[in-house]
Amino acid sequence: MSAARHAAFQAARRAMETCKELDAQLESARSFGAPAWETRPIEKRREEASVKFHRAYAAFKYPKESSDER
């Protein structure tokens, strides 16, 4: 695995872990009946982590060809 693919894989893994942690925070907050204004910042961070995950996964799954590999 190239260094770029490995870095993308690690970034995707970290983003997935962040998503899982934020999901747990949301579930906990909602189980205690937290109002939407309290959970919205967590939801926003979760959405951002999801975007990071999908971008990193795409970089891992479909790496760009470097000019010397052509």
N, C-alpha and C. Protein backbone atom coordinates (compact mmCIF):
# COMPACT_ATOMS: atom_id res chain seq x y z
N MET A 1 0.86 -1.17 0.00
CA MET A 1 0.00 0.00 0.00
C MET A 1 0.90 1.24 0.00
N SER A 2 0.61 2.16 -0.89
CA SER A 2 1.42 3.37 -0.97
C SER A 2 1.21 4.23 0.28
N ALA A 3 2.11 5.15 0.47
CA ALA A 3 2.03 6.03 1.64
C ALA A 3 0.77 6.89 1.60
N ALA A 4 0.40 7.35 0.41
CA ALA A 4 -0.80 8.18 0.29
C ALA A 4 -2.06 7.38 0.61
N ARG A 5 -2.12 6.14 0.13
CA ARG A 5 -3.28 5.30 0.42
C ARG A 5 -3.34 4.97 1.91
N HIS A 6 -2.18 4.71 2.50
CA HIS A 6 -2.13 4.40 3.92
C HIS A 6 -2.60 5.61 4.75
N ALA A 7 -2.16 6.80 4.38
CA ALA A 7 -2.58 8.02 5.07
C ALA A 7 -4.08 8.22 4.93
N ALA A 8 -4.62 7.97 3.75
CA ALA A 8 -6.06 8.11 3.53
C ALA A 8 -6.83 7.09 4.36
N PHE A 9 -6.31 5.87 4.44
CA PHE A 9 -6.95 4.84 5.25
C PHE A 9 -6.97 5.24 6.73
N GLN A 10 -5.84 5.74 7.22
CA GLN A 10 -5.77 6.16 8.62
C GLN A 10 -6.73 7.32 8.89
N ALA A 11 -6.82 8.27 7.96
CA ALA A 11 -7.74 9.39 8.12
C ALA A 11 -9.18 8.91 8.15
N ALA A 12 -9.51 7.97 7.28
CA ALA A 12 -10.87 7.42 7.26
C ALA A 12 -11.18 6.69 8.56
N ARG A 13 -10.21 5.96 9.07
CA ARG A 13 -10.41 5.22 10.32
C ARG A 13 -10.63 6.18 11.49
N ARG A 14 -9.83 7.25 11.55
CA ARG A 14 -10.00 8.25 12.62
C ARG A 14 -11.36 8.93 12.51
N ALA A 15 -11.77 9.28 11.31
CA ALA A 15 -13.06 9.93 11.12
C ALA A 15 -14.21 9.00 11.50
N MET A 16 -14.08 7.71 11.20
CA MET A 16 -15.11 6.75 11.57
C MET A 16 -15.21 6.64 13.10
N GLU A 17 -14.07 6.62 13.77
CA GLU A 17 -14.08 6.57 15.24
C GLU A 17 -14.74 7.82 15.82
N THR A 18 -14.45 8.97 15.23
CA THR A 18 -15.07 10.21 15.67
C THR A 18 -16.58 10.14 15.50
N CYS A 19 -17.03 9.62 14.35
CA CYS A 19 -18.47 9.47 14.11
C CYS A 19 -19.11 8.58 15.17
N LYS A 20 -18.45 7.48 15.50
CA LYS A 20 -18.99 6.57 16.51
C LYS A 20 -19.09 7.25 17.87
N GLU A 21 -18.06 8.01 18.24
CA GLU A 21 -18.07 8.71 19.52
C GLU A 21 -19.19 9.75 19.56
N LEU A 22 -19.36 10.49 18.48
CA LEU A 22 -20.40 11.51 18.43
C LEU A 22 -21.79 10.88 18.41
N ASP A 23 -21.93 9.73 17.74
CA ASP A 23 -23.20 9.01 17.78
C ASP A 23 -23.56 8.62 19.20
N ALA A 24 -22.57 8.16 19.96
CA ALA A 24 -22.81 7.78 21.35
C ALA A 24 -23.20 8.99 22.18
N GLN A 25 -22.55 10.13 21.95
CA GLN A 25 -22.91 11.36 22.66
C GLN A 25 -24.34 11.77 22.35
N LEU A 26 -24.70 11.70 21.07
CA LEU A 26 -26.07 12.06 20.67
C LEU A 26 -27.09 11.14 21.30
N GLU A 27 -26.82 9.85 21.27
CA GLU A 27 -27.75 8.88 21.85
C GLU A 27 -27.92 9.14 23.34
N SER A 28 -26.83 9.42 24.02
CA SER A 28 -26.89 9.70 25.46
C SER A 28 -27.68 10.97 25.73
N ALA A 29 -27.40 12.02 24.98
CA ALA A 29 -28.11 13.29 25.18
C ALA A 29 -29.60 13.14 24.91
N ARG A 30 -29.93 12.42 23.86
CA ARG A 30 -31.34 12.24 23.52
C ARG A 30 -32.06 11.37 24.54
N SER A 31 -31.34 10.39 25.11
CA SER A 31 -31.98 9.53 26.10
C SER A 31 -32.30 10.30 27.38
N PHE A 32 -31.56 11.38 27.63
CA PHE A 32 -31.85 12.23 28.79
C PHE A 32 -32.81 13.36 28.43
N GLY A 33 -33.31 13.35 27.21
CA GLY A 33 -34.30 14.34 26.79
C GLY A 33 -33.73 15.72 26.51
N ALA A 34 -32.51 15.77 26.02
CA ALA A 34 -31.89 17.06 25.71
C ALA A 34 -32.64 17.73 24.57
N PRO A 35 -32.86 19.04 24.69
CA PRO A 35 -33.55 19.76 23.61
C PRO A 35 -32.66 19.87 22.37
N ALA A 36 -33.29 20.17 21.25
CA ALA A 36 -32.58 20.22 19.97
C ALA A 36 -31.45 21.25 19.97
N TRP A 37 -31.62 22.36 20.67
CA TRP A 37 -30.57 23.37 20.67
C TRP A 37 -29.30 22.88 21.37
N GLU A 38 -29.42 21.85 22.22
CA GLU A 38 -28.24 21.28 22.87
C GLU A 38 -27.59 20.20 22.01
N THR A 39 -28.38 19.49 21.24
CA THR A 39 -27.83 18.40 20.43
C THR A 39 -27.35 18.86 19.06
N ARG A 40 -27.79 20.01 18.60
CA ARG A 40 -27.42 20.48 17.26
C ARG A 40 -25.91 20.62 17.07
N PRO A 41 -25.15 21.17 18.03
CA PRO A 41 -23.69 21.24 17.82
C PRO A 41 -23.05 19.86 17.65
N ILE A 42 -23.56 18.87 18.38
CA ILE A 42 -23.04 17.51 18.23
C ILE A 42 -23.39 16.97 16.86
N GLU A 43 -24.63 17.21 16.42
CA GLU A 43 -25.06 16.75 15.09
C GLU A 43 -24.20 17.39 14.00
N LYS A 44 -23.89 18.67 14.17
CA LYS A 44 -23.08 19.37 13.17
C LYS A 44 -21.67 18.77 13.10
N ARG A 45 -21.05 18.51 14.25
CA ARG A 45 -19.73 17.88 14.27
C ARG A 45 -19.80 16.48 13.67
N ARG A 46 -20.90 15.77 13.90
CA ARG A 46 -21.08 14.42 13.34
C ARG A 46 -21.15 14.49 11.81
N GLU A 47 -21.88 15.47 11.30
CA GLU A 47 -21.98 15.64 9.84
C GLU A 47 -20.61 15.96 9.24
N GLU A 48 -19.84 16.82 9.91
CA GLU A 48 -18.50 17.16 9.42
C GLU A 48 -17.58 15.94 9.44
N ALA A 49 -17.67 15.14 10.48
CA ALA A 49 -16.85 13.93 10.56
C ALA A 49 -17.25 12.93 9.48
N SER A 50 -18.53 12.87 9.17
CA SER A 50 -19.00 11.97 8.12
C SER A 50 -18.45 12.40 6.76
N VAL A 51 -18.44 13.69 6.51
CA VAL A 51 -17.89 14.20 5.25
C VAL A 51 -16.40 13.87 5.17
N LYS A 52 -15.68 14.07 6.28
CA LYS A 52 -14.25 13.74 6.30
C LYS A 52 -14.03 12.26 6.02
N PHE A 53 -14.88 11.42 6.63
CA PHE A 53 -14.75 9.98 6.41
C PHE A 53 -14.94 9.65 4.94
N HIS A 54 -16.01 10.15 4.33
CA HIS A 54 -16.29 9.81 2.94
C HIS A 54 -15.20 10.32 1.99
N ARG A 55 -14.66 11.49 2.26
CA ARG A 55 -13.58 12.01 1.42
C ARG A 55 -12.32 11.16 1.57
N ALA A 56 -11.99 10.81 2.80
CA ALA A 56 -10.79 10.00 3.04
C ALA A 56 -10.96 8.60 2.46
N TYR A 57 -12.15 8.04 2.59
CA TYR A 57 -12.39 6.71 2.04
C TYR A 57 -12.29 6.73 0.52
N ALA A 58 -12.83 7.78 -0.09
CA ALA A 58 -12.75 7.90 -1.55
C ALA A 58 -11.29 8.03 -1.99
N ALA A 59 -10.49 8.77 -1.22
CA ALA A 59 -9.07 8.91 -1.55
C ALA A 59 -8.35 7.57 -1.41
N PHE A 60 -8.77 6.76 -0.45
CA PHE A 60 -8.18 5.43 -0.27
C PHE A 60 -8.63 4.49 -1.37
N LYS A 61 -9.93 4.48 -1.64
CA LYS A 61 -10.50 3.53 -2.60
C LYS A 61 -10.10 3.86 -4.04
N TYR A 62 -10.07 5.14 -4.36
CA TYR A 62 -9.78 5.58 -5.73
C TYR A 62 -8.60 6.56 -5.71
N PRO A 63 -7.39 6.06 -5.49
CA PRO A 63 -6.24 6.97 -5.42
C PRO A 63 -5.96 7.61 -6.78
N LYS A 64 -5.49 8.84 -6.72
CA LYS A 64 -5.12 9.53 -7.96
C LYS A 64 -3.83 8.93 -8.47
N GLU A 65 -3.74 8.81 -9.77
CA GLU A 65 -2.51 8.30 -10.36
C GLU A 65 -1.48 9.43 -10.37
N SER A 66 -0.30 9.12 -9.93
CA SER A 66 0.76 10.12 -10.02
C SER A 66 1.33 10.08 -11.44
N SER A 67 2.03 11.12 -11.82
CA SER A 67 2.54 11.21 -13.19
C SER A 67 3.57 10.12 -13.49
N ASP A 68 4.29 9.62 -12.48
CA ASP A 68 5.29 8.59 -12.74
C ASP A 68 4.68 7.19 -12.82
N GLU A 69 3.43 7.01 -12.42
CA GLU A 69 2.79 5.70 -12.48
C GLU A 69 2.12 5.42 -13.82
N ARG A 70 1.99 6.45 -14.65
CA ARG A 70 1.31 6.29 -15.93
C ARG A 70 2.13 5.59 -16.91
